[in-house]
Amino acid sequence: MLNHVNDIRRNRNLSALTLDNNLSKAALVQSKYQHSIRKMTHSNDNYSGLADKLRKNGSTCSLNGCAENVAWNQDTVNEVFNDWVESPGHLENILGSFGGMGIAKFGTYWTQTFN
């Protein structure tokens, strides 16, 4: 996933992102939560919001903020990446002014986090 993200960023003259273990931990928490409730969502009853979720999993929102993409029912990295790129809001996150990215899949639920 990181290679796909950095390829599209490079094609638009944007800096590359680094894979961040704590962002991936927060992404996994969200993917597991979605799986447990069988629903794709950004909400999580265990956190007050994305910033709280990142903080409690060892990360923070950067000065440029933070963002999250979620998806459901794609089998491969290529499928979920292509779906996100075709969605203006998800693409905006992928191309955002961030330095780090996390990614996780649990069951059929995907989460991508940025800071």
PDB file of N, CA and C in Angstrom:
ATOM      1  N   MET A   1       0.829  -1.194   0.000  1.00  0.00           N
ATOM      2  CA  MET A   1       0.000   0.000   0.000  1.00  0.00           C
ATOM      3  C   MET A   1       0.872   1.256   0.000  1.00  0.00           C
ATOM      4  N   LEU A   2       1.915   1.248   0.828  1.00  0.00           N
ATOM      5  CA  LEU A   2       2.777   2.428   0.900  1.00  0.00           C
ATOM      6  C   LEU A   2       3.377   2.745  -0.464  1.00  0.00           C
ATOM      7  N   ASN A   3       3.789   1.731  -1.204  1.00  0.00           N
ATOM      8  CA  ASN A   3       4.340   1.972  -2.544  1.00  0.00           C
ATOM      9  C   ASN A   3       3.310   2.612  -3.463  1.00  0.00           C
ATOM     10  N   HIS A   4       2.071   2.130  -3.424  1.00  0.00           N
ATOM     11  CA  HIS A   4       1.007   2.723  -4.246  1.00  0.00           C
ATOM     12  C   HIS A   4       0.792   4.190  -3.876  1.00  0.00           C
ATOM     13  N   VAL A   5       0.707   4.448  -2.579  1.00  0.00           N
ATOM     14  CA  VAL A   5       0.480   5.819  -2.103  1.00  0.00           C
ATOM     15  C   VAL A   5       1.633   6.718  -2.529  1.00  0.00           C
ATOM     16  N   ASN A   6       2.853   6.270  -2.327  1.00  0.00           N
ATOM     17  CA  ASN A   6       3.999   7.115  -2.674  1.00  0.00           C
ATOM     18  C   ASN A   6       4.164   7.281  -4.180  1.00  0.00           C
ATOM     19  N   ASP A   7       3.757   6.305  -4.967  1.00  0.00           N
ATOM     20  CA  ASP A   7       3.790   6.465  -6.428  1.00  0.00           C
ATOM     21  C   ASP A   7       2.869   7.593  -6.877  1.00  0.00           C
ATOM     22  N   ILE A   8       1.648   7.609  -6.380  1.00  0.00           N
ATOM     23  CA  ILE A   8       0.708   8.652  -6.799  1.00  0.00           C
ATOM     24  C   ILE A   8       1.134  10.011  -6.255  1.00  0.00           C
ATOM     25  N   ARG A   9       1.706  10.031  -5.065  1.00  0.00           N
ATOM     26  CA  ARG A   9       2.199  11.291  -4.505  1.00  0.00           C
ATOM     27  C   ARG A   9       3.382  11.814  -5.325  1.00  0.00           C
ATOM     28  N   ARG A  10       4.294  10.926  -5.683  1.00  0.00           N
ATOM     29  CA  ARG A  10       5.450  11.318  -6.491  1.00  0.00           C
ATOM     30  C   ARG A  10       5.000  11.872  -7.852  1.00  0.00           C
ATOM     31  N   ASN A  11       4.000  11.247  -8.463  1.00  0.00           N
ATOM     32  CA  ASN A  11       3.489  11.721  -9.755  1.00  0.00           C
ATOM     33  C   ASN A  11       2.885  13.115  -9.669  1.00  0.00           C
ATOM     34  N   ARG A  12       2.558  13.544  -8.453  1.00  0.00           N
ATOM     35  CA  ARG A  12       1.994  14.883  -8.246  1.00  0.00           C
ATOM     36  C   ARG A  12       2.975  15.792  -7.511  1.00  0.00           C
ATOM     37  N   ASN A  13       4.239  15.406  -7.530  1.00  0.00           N
ATOM     38  CA  ASN A  13       5.318  16.183  -6.908  1.00  0.00           C
ATOM     39  C   ASN A  13       5.096  16.428  -5.419  1.00  0.00           C
ATOM     40  N   LEU A  14       4.582  15.427  -4.730  1.00  0.00           N
ATOM     41  CA  LEU A  14       4.385  15.501  -3.285  1.00  0.00           C
ATOM     42  C   LEU A  14       5.415  14.609  -2.598  1.00  0.00           C
ATOM     43  N   SER A  15       5.738  14.950  -1.362  1.00  0.00           N
ATOM     44  CA  SER A  15       6.727  14.167  -0.623  1.00  0.00           C
ATOM     45  C   SER A  15       6.183  12.778  -0.292  1.00  0.00           C
ATOM     46  N   ALA A  16       7.107  11.844  -0.162  1.00  0.00           N
ATOM     47  CA  ALA A  16       6.749  10.469   0.182  1.00  0.00           C
ATOM     48  C   ALA A  16       6.343  10.381   1.648  1.00  0.00           C
ATOM     49  N   LEU A  17       5.477   9.430   1.947  1.00  0.00           N
ATOM     50  CA  LEU A  17       5.093   9.140   3.321  1.00  0.00           C
ATOM     51  C   LEU A  17       5.946   7.988   3.841  1.00  0.00           C
ATOM     52  N   THR A  18       6.060   7.910   5.158  1.00  0.00           N
ATOM     53  CA  THR A  18       6.718   6.769   5.784  1.00  0.00           C
ATOM     54  C   THR A  18       5.662   5.932   6.492  1.00  0.00           C
ATOM     55  N   LEU A  19       5.908   4.637   6.568  1.00  0.00           N
ATOM     56  CA  LEU A  19       5.007   3.751   7.288  1.00  0.00           C
ATOM     57  C   LEU A  19       5.284   3.903   8.776  1.00  0.00           C
ATOM     58  N   ASP A  20       4.246   4.182   9.536  1.00  0.00           N
ATOM     59  CA  ASP A  20       4.361   4.447  10.966  1.00  0.00           C
ATOM     60  C   ASP A  20       3.664   3.321  11.735  1.00  0.00           C
ATOM     61  N   ASN A  21       4.411   2.637  12.590  1.00  0.00           N
ATOM     62  CA  ASN A  21       3.852   1.499  13.326  1.00  0.00           C
ATOM     63  C   ASN A  21       2.692   1.889  14.226  1.00  0.00           C
ATOM     64  N   ASN A  22       2.762   3.058  14.865  1.00  0.00           N
ATOM     65  CA  ASN A  22       1.673   3.472  15.745  1.00  0.00           C
ATOM     66  C   ASN A  22       0.426   3.852  14.953  1.00  0.00           C
ATOM     67  N   LEU A  23       0.604   4.451  13.781  1.00  0.00           N
ATOM     68  CA  LEU A  23      -0.548   4.714  12.917  1.00  0.00           C
ATOM     69  C   LEU A  23      -1.158   3.397  12.441  1.00  0.00           C
ATOM     70  N   SER A  24      -0.320   2.414  12.156  1.00  0.00           N
ATOM     71  CA  SER A  24      -0.832   1.098  11.754  1.00  0.00           C
ATOM     72  C   SER A  24      -1.548   0.417  12.915  1.00  0.00           C
ATOM     73  N   LYS A  25      -1.054   0.622  14.131  1.00  0.00           N
ATOM     74  CA  LYS A  25      -1.723   0.074  15.311  1.00  0.00           C
ATOM     75  C   LYS A  25      -3.119   0.681  15.455  1.00  0.00           C
ATOM     76  N   ALA A  26      -3.224   1.994  15.293  1.00  0.00           N
ATOM     77  CA  ALA A  26      -4.530   2.658  15.363  1.00  0.00           C
ATOM     78  C   ALA A  26      -5.437   2.183  14.232  1.00  0.00           C
ATOM     79  N   ALA A  27      -4.866   1.965  13.050  1.00  0.00           N
ATOM     80  CA  ALA A  27      -5.649   1.460  11.919  1.00  0.00           C
ATOM     81  C   ALA A  27      -6.177   0.061  12.220  1.00  0.00           C
ATOM     82  N   LEU A  28      -5.347  -0.778  12.823  1.00  0.00           N
ATOM     83  CA  LEU A  28      -5.787  -2.130  13.162  1.00  0.00           C
ATOM     84  C   LEU A  28      -6.905  -2.103  14.197  1.00  0.00           C
ATOM     85  N   VAL A  29      -6.782  -1.221  15.179  1.00  0.00           N
ATOM     86  CA  VAL A  29      -7.841  -1.069  16.179  1.00  0.00           C
ATOM     87  C   VAL A  29      -9.168  -0.752  15.485  1.00  0.00           C
ATOM     88  N   GLN A  30      -9.126   0.158  14.503  1.00  0.00           N
ATOM     89  CA  GLN A  30     -10.356   0.540  13.816  1.00  0.00           C
ATOM     90  C   GLN A  30     -10.884  -0.586  12.934  1.00  0.00           C
ATOM     91  N   SER A  31     -10.001  -1.288  12.251  1.00  0.00           N
ATOM     92  CA  SER A  31     -10.446  -2.413  11.417  1.00  0.00           C
ATOM     93  C   SER A  31     -11.079  -3.509  12.276  1.00  0.00           C
ATOM     94  N   LYS A  32     -10.481  -3.798  13.424  1.00  0.00           N
ATOM     95  CA  LYS A  32     -11.052  -4.801  14.327  1.00  0.00           C
ATOM     96  C   LYS A  32     -12.406  -4.351  14.866  1.00  0.00           C
ATOM     97  N   TYR A  33     -12.525  -3.061  15.175  1.00  0.00           N
ATOM     98  CA  TYR A  33     -13.795  -2.542  15.673  1.00  0.00           C
ATOM     99  C   TYR A  33     -14.882  -2.680  14.607  1.00  0.00           C
ATOM    100  N   GLN A  34     -14.569  -2.283  13.383  1.00  0.00           N
ATOM    101  CA  GLN A  34     -15.542  -2.407  12.295  1.00  0.00           C
ATOM    102  C   GLN A  34     -15.967  -3.868  12.131  1.00  0.00           C
ATOM    103  N   HIS A  35     -14.999  -4.767  12.180  1.00  0.00           N
ATOM    104  CA  HIS A  35     -15.295  -6.196  12.062  1.00  0.00           C
ATOM    105  C   HIS A  35     -16.225  -6.644  13.190  1.00  0.00           C
ATOM    106  N   SER A  36     -15.977  -6.159  14.394  1.00  0.00           N
ATOM    107  CA  SER A  36     -16.769  -6.596  15.550  1.00  0.00           C
ATOM    108  C   SER A  36     -18.219  -6.140  15.472  1.00  0.00           C
ATOM    109  N   ILE A  37     -18.461  -4.986  14.841  1.00  0.00           N
ATOM    110  CA  ILE A  37     -19.839  -4.496  14.720  1.00  0.00           C
ATOM    111  C   ILE A  37     -20.419  -4.766  13.332  1.00  0.00           C
ATOM    112  N   ARG A  38     -19.594  -5.372  12.469  1.00  0.00           N
ATOM    113  CA  ARG A  38     -20.011  -5.717  11.101  1.00  0.00           C
ATOM    114  C   ARG A  38     -20.534  -4.508  10.338  1.00  0.00           C
ATOM    115  N   LYS A  39     -19.774  -3.401  10.444  1.00  0.00           N
ATOM    116  CA  LYS A  39     -20.183  -2.151   9.796  1.00  0.00           C
ATOM    117  C   LYS A  39     -18.945  -1.313   9.495  1.00  0.00           C
ATOM    118  N   MET A  40     -18.899  -0.742   8.291  1.00  0.00           N
ATOM    119  CA  MET A  40     -17.827   0.182   7.936  1.00  0.00           C
ATOM    120  C   MET A  40     -18.150   1.542   8.549  1.00  0.00           C
ATOM    121  N   THR A  41     -17.212   2.070   9.336  1.00  0.00           N
ATOM    122  CA  THR A  41     -17.456   3.334  10.029  1.00  0.00           C
ATOM    123  C   THR A  41     -16.141   3.975  10.460  1.00  0.00           C
ATOM    124  N   HIS A  42     -16.174   5.304  10.588  1.00  0.00           N
ATOM    125  CA  HIS A  42     -15.053   6.022  11.194  1.00  0.00           C
ATOM    126  C   HIS A  42     -15.242   6.127  12.702  1.00  0.00           C
ATOM    127  N   SER A  43     -16.459   5.967  13.172  1.00  0.00           N
ATOM    128  CA  SER A  43     -16.746   6.048  14.603  1.00  0.00           C
ATOM    129  C   SER A  43     -16.192   4.828  15.319  1.00  0.00           C
ATOM    130  N   ASN A  44     -15.938   5.012  16.613  1.00  0.00           N
ATOM    131  CA  ASN A  44     -15.487   3.909  17.447  1.00  0.00           C
ATOM    132  C   ASN A  44     -15.886   4.247  18.871  1.00  0.00           C
ATOM    133  N   ASP A  45     -16.725   3.414  19.467  1.00  0.00           N
ATOM    134  CA  ASP A  45     -17.241   3.692  20.809  1.00  0.00           C
ATOM    135  C   ASP A  45     -16.159   3.778  21.877  1.00  0.00           C
ATOM    136  N   ASN A  46     -14.961   3.316  21.581  1.00  0.00           N
ATOM    137  CA  ASN A  46     -13.873   3.333  22.555  1.00  0.00           C
ATOM    138  C   ASN A  46     -13.056   4.624  22.542  1.00  0.00           C
ATOM    139  N   TYR A  47     -13.354   5.527  21.596  1.00  0.00           N
ATOM    140  CA  TYR A  47     -12.572   6.760  21.438  1.00  0.00           C
ATOM    141  C   TYR A  47     -13.507   7.922  21.138  1.00  0.00           C
ATOM    142  N   SER A  48     -13.080   9.124  21.536  1.00  0.00           N
ATOM    143  CA  SER A  48     -13.903  10.311  21.287  1.00  0.00           C
ATOM    144  C   SER A  48     -13.768  10.822  19.858  1.00  0.00           C
ATOM    145  N   GLY A  49     -12.777  10.353  19.136  1.00  0.00           N
ATOM    146  CA  GLY A  49     -12.558  10.773  17.754  1.00  0.00           C
ATOM    147  C   GLY A  49     -11.224  10.248  17.265  1.00  0.00           C
ATOM    148  N   LEU A  50     -10.853  10.642  16.061  1.00  0.00           N
ATOM    149  CA  LEU A  50      -9.610  10.148  15.470  1.00  0.00           C
ATOM    150  C   LEU A  50      -8.385  10.564  16.276  1.00  0.00           C
ATOM    151  N   ALA A  51      -8.317  11.817  16.705  1.00  0.00           N
ATOM    152  CA  ALA A  51      -7.152  12.278  17.468  1.00  0.00           C
ATOM    153  C   ALA A  51      -6.983  11.464  18.749  1.00  0.00           C
ATOM    154  N   ASP A  52      -8.087  11.167  19.429  1.00  0.00           N
ATOM    155  CA  ASP A  52      -8.045  10.362  20.647  1.00  0.00           C
ATOM    156  C   ASP A  52      -7.571   8.939  20.336  1.00  0.00           C
ATOM    157  N   LYS A  53      -8.064   8.378  19.240  1.00  0.00           N
ATOM    158  CA  LYS A  53      -7.659   7.025  18.834  1.00  0.00           C
ATOM    159  C   LYS A  53      -6.162   6.968  18.544  1.00  0.00           C
ATOM    160  N   LEU A  54      -5.660   7.964  17.820  1.00  0.00           N
ATOM    161  CA  LEU A  54      -4.231   7.988  17.522  1.00  0.00           C
ATOM    162  C   LEU A  54      -3.413   8.142  18.801  1.00  0.00           C
ATOM    163  N   ARG A  55      -3.817   9.076  19.654  1.00  0.00           N
ATOM    164  CA  ARG A  55      -3.072   9.336  20.891  1.00  0.00           C
ATOM    165  C   ARG A  55      -3.001   8.090  21.773  1.00  0.00           C
ATOM    166  N   LYS A  56      -4.119   7.405  21.920  1.00  0.00           N
ATOM    167  CA  LYS A  56      -4.158   6.228  22.792  1.00  0.00           C
ATOM    168  C   LYS A  56      -3.450   5.016  22.186  1.00  0.00           C
ATOM    169  N   ASN A  57      -3.033   5.149  20.940  1.00  0.00           N
ATOM    170  CA  ASN A  57      -2.273   4.078  20.297  1.00  0.00           C
ATOM    171  C   ASN A  57      -0.855   4.518  19.957  1.00  0.00           C
ATOM    172  N   GLY A  58      -0.380   5.582  20.638  1.00  0.00           N
ATOM    173  CA  GLY A  58       1.012   5.977  20.549  1.00  0.00           C
ATOM    174  C   GLY A  58       1.359   6.976  19.478  1.00  0.00           C
ATOM    175  N   SER A  59       0.363   7.594  18.857  1.00  0.00           N
ATOM    176  CA  SER A  59       0.625   8.565  17.804  1.00  0.00           C
ATOM    177  C   SER A  59      -0.090   9.871  18.131  1.00  0.00           C
ATOM    178  N   THR A  60      -0.035  10.811  17.222  1.00  0.00           N
ATOM    179  CA  THR A  60      -0.715  12.092  17.393  1.00  0.00           C
ATOM    180  C   THR A  60      -1.163  12.598  16.035  1.00  0.00           C
ATOM    181  N   CYS A  61      -1.997  13.621  16.059  1.00  0.00           N
ATOM    182  CA  CYS A  61      -2.254  14.377  14.841  1.00  0.00           C
ATOM    183  C   CYS A  61      -1.070  15.326  14.674  1.00  0.00           C
ATOM    184  N   SER A  62      -0.578  15.461  13.461  1.00  0.00           N
ATOM    185  CA  SER A  62       0.543  16.366  13.205  1.00  0.00           C
ATOM    186  C   SER A  62       0.032  17.799  13.141  1.00  0.00           C
ATOM    187  N   LEU A  63       0.935  18.739  12.913  1.00  0.00           N
ATOM    188  CA  LEU A  63       0.522  20.136  12.740  1.00  0.00           C
ATOM    189  C   LEU A  63      -0.432  20.285  11.565  1.00  0.00           C
ATOM    190  N   ASN A  64      -0.336  19.381  10.594  1.00  0.00           N
ATOM    191  CA  ASN A  64      -1.227  19.398   9.435  1.00  0.00           C
ATOM    192  C   ASN A  64      -2.488  18.578   9.667  1.00  0.00           C
ATOM    193  N   GLY A  65      -2.660  18.084  10.882  1.00  0.00           N
ATOM    194  CA  GLY A  65      -3.851  17.311  11.206  1.00  0.00           C
ATOM    195  C   GLY A  65      -3.627  15.819  11.041  1.00  0.00           C
ATOM    196  N   CYS A  66      -4.730  15.119  10.894  1.00  0.00           N
ATOM    197  CA  CYS A  66      -4.695  13.676  10.701  1.00  0.00           C
ATOM    198  C   CYS A  66      -5.933  13.285   9.907  1.00  0.00           C
ATOM    199  N   ALA A  67      -5.906  12.101   9.354  1.00  0.00           N
ATOM    200  CA  ALA A  67      -7.026  11.654   8.528  1.00  0.00           C
ATOM    201  C   ALA A  67      -7.102  10.136   8.568  1.00  0.00           C
ATOM    202  N   GLU A  68      -8.257   9.639   8.140  1.00  0.00           N
ATOM    203  CA  GLU A  68      -8.491   8.200   8.142  1.00  0.00           C
ATOM    204  C   GLU A  68      -9.351   7.830   6.941  1.00  0.00           C
ATOM    205  N   ASN A  69      -8.956   6.784   6.253  1.00  0.00           N
ATOM    206  CA  ASN A  69      -9.773   6.167   5.214  1.00  0.00           C
ATOM    207  C   ASN A  69     -10.199   4.795   5.708  1.00  0.00           C
ATOM    208  N   VAL A  70     -11.446   4.429   5.459  1.00  0.00           N
ATOM    209  CA  VAL A  70     -11.916   3.083   5.770  1.00  0.00           C
ATOM    210  C   VAL A  70     -12.539   2.485   4.516  1.00  0.00           C
ATOM    211  N   ALA A  71     -12.545   1.172   4.470  1.00  0.00           N
ATOM    212  CA  ALA A  71     -13.142   0.465   3.334  1.00  0.00           C
ATOM    213  C   ALA A  71     -13.585  -0.915   3.801  1.00  0.00           C
ATOM    214  N   TRP A  72     -14.405  -1.529   2.974  1.00  0.00           N
ATOM    215  CA  TRP A  72     -14.952  -2.835   3.310  1.00  0.00           C
ATOM    216  C   TRP A  72     -15.106  -3.688   2.062  1.00  0.00           C
ATOM    217  N   ASN A  73     -14.731  -4.922   2.182  1.00  0.00           N
ATOM    218  CA  ASN A  73     -15.049  -5.957   1.202  1.00  0.00           C
ATOM    219  C   ASN A  73     -14.143  -5.998  -0.018  1.00  0.00           C
ATOM    220  N   GLN A  74     -12.988  -5.368   0.033  1.00  0.00           N
ATOM    221  CA  GLN A  74     -12.007  -5.543  -1.038  1.00  0.00           C
ATOM    222  C   GLN A  74     -11.052  -6.661  -0.615  1.00  0.00           C
ATOM    223  N   ASP A  75     -10.639  -7.454  -1.584  1.00  0.00           N
ATOM    224  CA  ASP A  75      -9.771  -8.591  -1.277  1.00  0.00           C
ATOM    225  C   ASP A  75      -8.291  -8.243  -1.277  1.00  0.00           C
ATOM    226  N   THR A  76      -7.899  -7.275  -2.092  1.00  0.00           N
ATOM    227  CA  THR A  76      -6.470  -7.002  -2.270  1.00  0.00           C
ATOM    228  C   THR A  76      -6.144  -5.532  -2.035  1.00  0.00           C
ATOM    229  N   VAL A  77      -4.865  -5.285  -1.813  1.00  0.00           N
ATOM    230  CA  VAL A  77      -4.373  -3.912  -1.685  1.00  0.00           C
ATOM    231  C   VAL A  77      -4.711  -3.122  -2.945  1.00  0.00           C
ATOM    232  N   ASN A  78      -4.518  -3.717  -4.108  1.00  0.00           N
ATOM    233  CA  ASN A  78      -4.819  -3.009  -5.361  1.00  0.00           C
ATOM    234  C   ASN A  78      -6.277  -2.588  -5.430  1.00  0.00           C
ATOM    235  N   GLU A  79      -7.182  -3.470  -5.038  1.00  0.00           N
ATOM    236  CA  GLU A  79      -8.611  -3.142  -5.083  1.00  0.00           C
ATOM    237  C   GLU A  79      -8.951  -1.978  -4.155  1.00  0.00           C
ATOM    238  N   VAL A  80      -8.506  -2.052  -2.922  1.00  0.00           N
ATOM    239  CA  VAL A  80      -8.857  -0.994  -1.977  1.00  0.00           C
ATOM    240  C   VAL A  80      -8.179   0.313  -2.362  1.00  0.00           C
ATOM    241  N   PHE A  81      -6.943   0.261  -2.810  1.00  0.00           N
ATOM    242  CA  PHE A  81      -6.259   1.481  -3.229  1.00  0.00           C
ATOM    243  C   PHE A  81      -6.994   2.126  -4.401  1.00  0.00           C
ATOM    244  N   ASN A  82      -7.359   1.336  -5.401  1.00  0.00           N
ATOM    245  CA  ASN A  82      -8.080   1.890  -6.554  1.00  0.00           C
ATOM    246  C   ASN A  82      -9.416   2.491  -6.152  1.00  0.00           C
ATOM    247  N   ASP A  83     -10.127   1.854  -5.229  1.00  0.00           N
ATOM    248  CA  ASP A  83     -11.395   2.418  -4.756  1.00  0.00           C
ATOM    249  C   ASP A  83     -11.168   3.746  -4.045  1.00  0.00           C
ATOM    250  N   TRP A  84     -10.144   3.828  -3.214  1.00  0.00           N
ATOM    251  CA  TRP A  84      -9.859   5.082  -2.516  1.00  0.00           C
ATOM    252  C   TRP A  84      -9.453   6.180  -3.490  1.00  0.00           C
ATOM    253  N   VAL A  85      -8.648   5.851  -4.485  1.00  0.00           N
ATOM    254  CA  VAL A  85      -8.198   6.859  -5.450  1.00  0.00           C
ATOM    255  C   VAL A  85      -9.369   7.397  -6.277  1.00  0.00           C
ATOM    256  N   GLU A  86     -10.366   6.572  -6.522  1.00  0.00           N
ATOM    257  CA  GLU A  86     -11.530   6.994  -7.303  1.00  0.00           C
ATOM    258  C   GLU A  86     -12.525   7.808  -6.483  1.00  0.00           C
ATOM    259  N   SER A  87     -12.313   7.912  -5.191  1.00  0.00           N
ATOM    260  CA  SER A  87     -13.187   8.673  -4.299  1.00  0.00           C
ATOM    261  C   SER A  87     -12.502   9.989  -3.933  1.00  0.00           C
ATOM    262  N   PRO A  88     -13.105  11.133  -4.282  1.00  0.00           N
ATOM    263  CA  PRO A  88     -12.438  12.423  -4.033  1.00  0.00           C
ATOM    264  C   PRO A  88     -11.992  12.635  -2.585  1.00  0.00           C
ATOM    265  N   GLY A  89     -12.815  12.298  -1.621  1.00  0.00           N
ATOM    266  CA  GLY A  89     -12.447  12.502  -0.225  1.00  0.00           C
ATOM    267  C   GLY A  89     -11.296  11.623   0.219  1.00  0.00           C
ATOM    268  N   HIS A  90     -11.318  10.371  -0.206  1.00  0.00           N
ATOM    269  CA  HIS A  90     -10.231   9.458   0.146  1.00  0.00           C
ATOM    270  C   HIS A  90      -8.936   9.863  -0.548  1.00  0.00           C
ATOM    271  N   LEU A  91      -9.047  10.263  -1.808  1.00  0.00           N
ATOM    272  CA  LEU A  91      -7.860  10.714  -2.542  1.00  0.00           C
ATOM    273  C   LEU A  91      -7.264  11.953  -1.886  1.00  0.00           C
ATOM    274  N   GLU A  92      -8.115  12.848  -1.413  1.00  0.00           N
ATOM    275  CA  GLU A  92      -7.626  14.047  -0.717  1.00  0.00           C
ATOM    276  C   GLU A  92      -6.772  13.654   0.485  1.00  0.00           C
ATOM    277  N   ASN A  93      -7.191  12.639   1.223  1.00  0.00           N
ATOM    278  CA  ASN A  93      -6.387  12.168   2.355  1.00  0.00           C
ATOM    279  C   ASN A  93      -5.060  11.587   1.883  1.00  0.00           C
ATOM    280  N   ILE A  94      -5.091  10.786   0.836  1.00  0.00           N
ATOM    281  CA  ILE A  94      -3.873  10.175   0.301  1.00  0.00           C
ATOM    282  C   ILE A  94      -2.873  11.234  -0.152  1.00  0.00           C
ATOM    283  N   LEU A  95      -3.383  12.329  -0.690  1.00  0.00           N
ATOM    284  CA  LEU A  95      -2.523  13.400  -1.203  1.00  0.00           C
ATOM    285  C   LEU A  95      -2.291  14.513  -0.188  1.00  0.00           C
ATOM    286  N   GLY A  96      -2.769  14.337   1.037  1.00  0.00           N
ATOM    287  CA  GLY A  96      -2.693  15.377   2.052  1.00  0.00           C
ATOM    288  C   GLY A  96      -1.276  15.699   2.499  1.00  0.00           C
ATOM    289  N   SER A  97      -1.165  16.785   3.243  1.00  0.00           N
ATOM    290  CA  SER A  97       0.134  17.271   3.744  1.00  0.00           C
ATOM    291  C   SER A  97       0.540  16.506   4.998  1.00  0.00           C
ATOM    292  N   PHE A  98       0.737  15.225   4.832  1.00  0.00           N
ATOM    293  CA  PHE A  98       1.090  14.355   5.943  1.00  0.00           C
ATOM    294  C   PHE A  98       2.490  13.797   5.742  1.00  0.00           C
ATOM    295  N   GLY A  99       3.054  13.236   6.798  1.00  0.00           N
ATOM    296  CA  GLY A  99       4.367  12.616   6.710  1.00  0.00           C
ATOM    297  C   GLY A  99       4.334  11.124   6.971  1.00  0.00           C
ATOM    298  N   GLY A 100       3.284  10.671   7.664  1.00  0.00           N
ATOM    299  CA  GLY A 100       3.196   9.263   8.028  1.00  0.00           C
ATOM    300  C   GLY A 100       1.888   8.634   7.617  1.00  0.00           C
ATOM    301  N   MET A 101       1.922   7.318   7.462  1.00  0.00           N
ATOM    302  CA  MET A 101       0.741   6.551   7.103  1.00  0.00           C
ATOM    303  C   MET A 101       0.754   5.235   7.860  1.00  0.00           C
ATOM    304  N   GLY A 102      -0.427   4.777   8.229  1.00  0.00           N
ATOM    305  CA  GLY A 102      -0.603   3.441   8.777  1.00  0.00           C
ATOM    306  C   GLY A 102      -1.648   2.711   7.960  1.00  0.00           C
ATOM    307  N   ILE A 103      -1.583   1.403   7.938  1.00  0.00           N
ATOM    308  CA  ILE A 103      -2.548   0.609   7.175  1.00  0.00           C
ATOM    309  C   ILE A 103      -2.804  -0.695   7.910  1.00  0.00           C
ATOM    310  N   ALA A 104      -4.058  -1.139   7.882  1.00  0.00           N
ATOM    311  CA  ALA A 104      -4.390  -2.432   8.479  1.00  0.00           C
ATOM    312  C   ALA A 104      -5.653  -2.981   7.835  1.00  0.00           C
ATOM    313  N   LYS A 105      -5.711  -4.305   7.802  1.00  0.00           N
ATOM    314  CA  LYS A 105      -6.910  -5.019   7.370  1.00  0.00           C
ATOM    315  C   LYS A 105      -7.210  -6.070   8.421  1.00  0.00           C
ATOM    316  N   PHE A 106      -8.483  -6.162   8.797  1.00  0.00           N
ATOM    317  CA  PHE A 106      -8.923  -7.225   9.692  1.00  0.00           C
ATOM    318  C   PHE A 106     -10.217  -7.765   9.131  1.00  0.00           C
ATOM    319  N   GLY A 107     -10.255  -9.054   8.854  1.00  0.00           N
ATOM    320  CA  GLY A 107     -11.416  -9.609   8.164  1.00  0.00           C
ATOM    321  C   GLY A 107     -11.515  -8.963   6.795  1.00  0.00           C
ATOM    322  N   THR A 108     -12.644  -8.341   6.532  1.00  0.00           N
ATOM    323  CA  THR A 108     -12.838  -7.648   5.247  1.00  0.00           C
ATOM    324  C   THR A 108     -12.814  -6.138   5.406  1.00  0.00           C
ATOM    325  N   TYR A 109     -12.340  -5.644   6.558  1.00  0.00           N
ATOM    326  CA  TYR A 109     -12.354  -4.207   6.853  1.00  0.00           C
ATOM    327  C   TYR A 109     -10.942  -3.633   6.805  1.00  0.00           C
ATOM    328  N   TRP A 110     -10.800  -2.556   6.059  1.00  0.00           N
ATOM    329  CA  TRP A 110      -9.525  -1.862   5.871  1.00  0.00           C
ATOM    330  C   TRP A 110      -9.564  -0.508   6.563  1.00  0.00           C
ATOM    331  N   THR A 111      -8.431  -0.079   7.101  1.00  0.00           N
ATOM    332  CA  THR A 111      -8.288   1.275   7.633  1.00  0.00           C
ATOM    333  C   THR A 111      -6.901   1.792   7.273  1.00  0.00           C
ATOM    334  N   GLN A 112      -6.880   3.048   6.842  1.00  0.00           N
ATOM    335  CA  GLN A 112      -5.642   3.753   6.505  1.00  0.00           C
ATOM    336  C   GLN A 112      -5.649   5.039   7.323  1.00  0.00           C
ATOM    337  N   THR A 113      -4.561   5.310   8.040  1.00  0.00           N
ATOM    338  CA  THR A 113      -4.469   6.509   8.870  1.00  0.00           C
ATOM    339  C   THR A 113      -3.281   7.353   8.432  1.00  0.00           C
ATOM    340  N   PHE A 114      -3.400   8.652   8.642  1.00  0.00           N
ATOM    341  CA  PHE A 114      -2.366   9.607   8.230  1.00  0.00           C
ATOM    342  C   PHE A 114      -2.133  10.628   9.330  1.00  0.00           C
ATOM    343  N   ASN A 115      -0.877  11.080   9.460  1.00  0.00           N
ATOM    344  CA  ASN A 115      -0.579  12.263  10.272  1.00  0.00           C
ATOM    345  C   ASN A 115       0.634  12.971   9.717  1.00  0.00           C
TER     346      ASN A 115
END
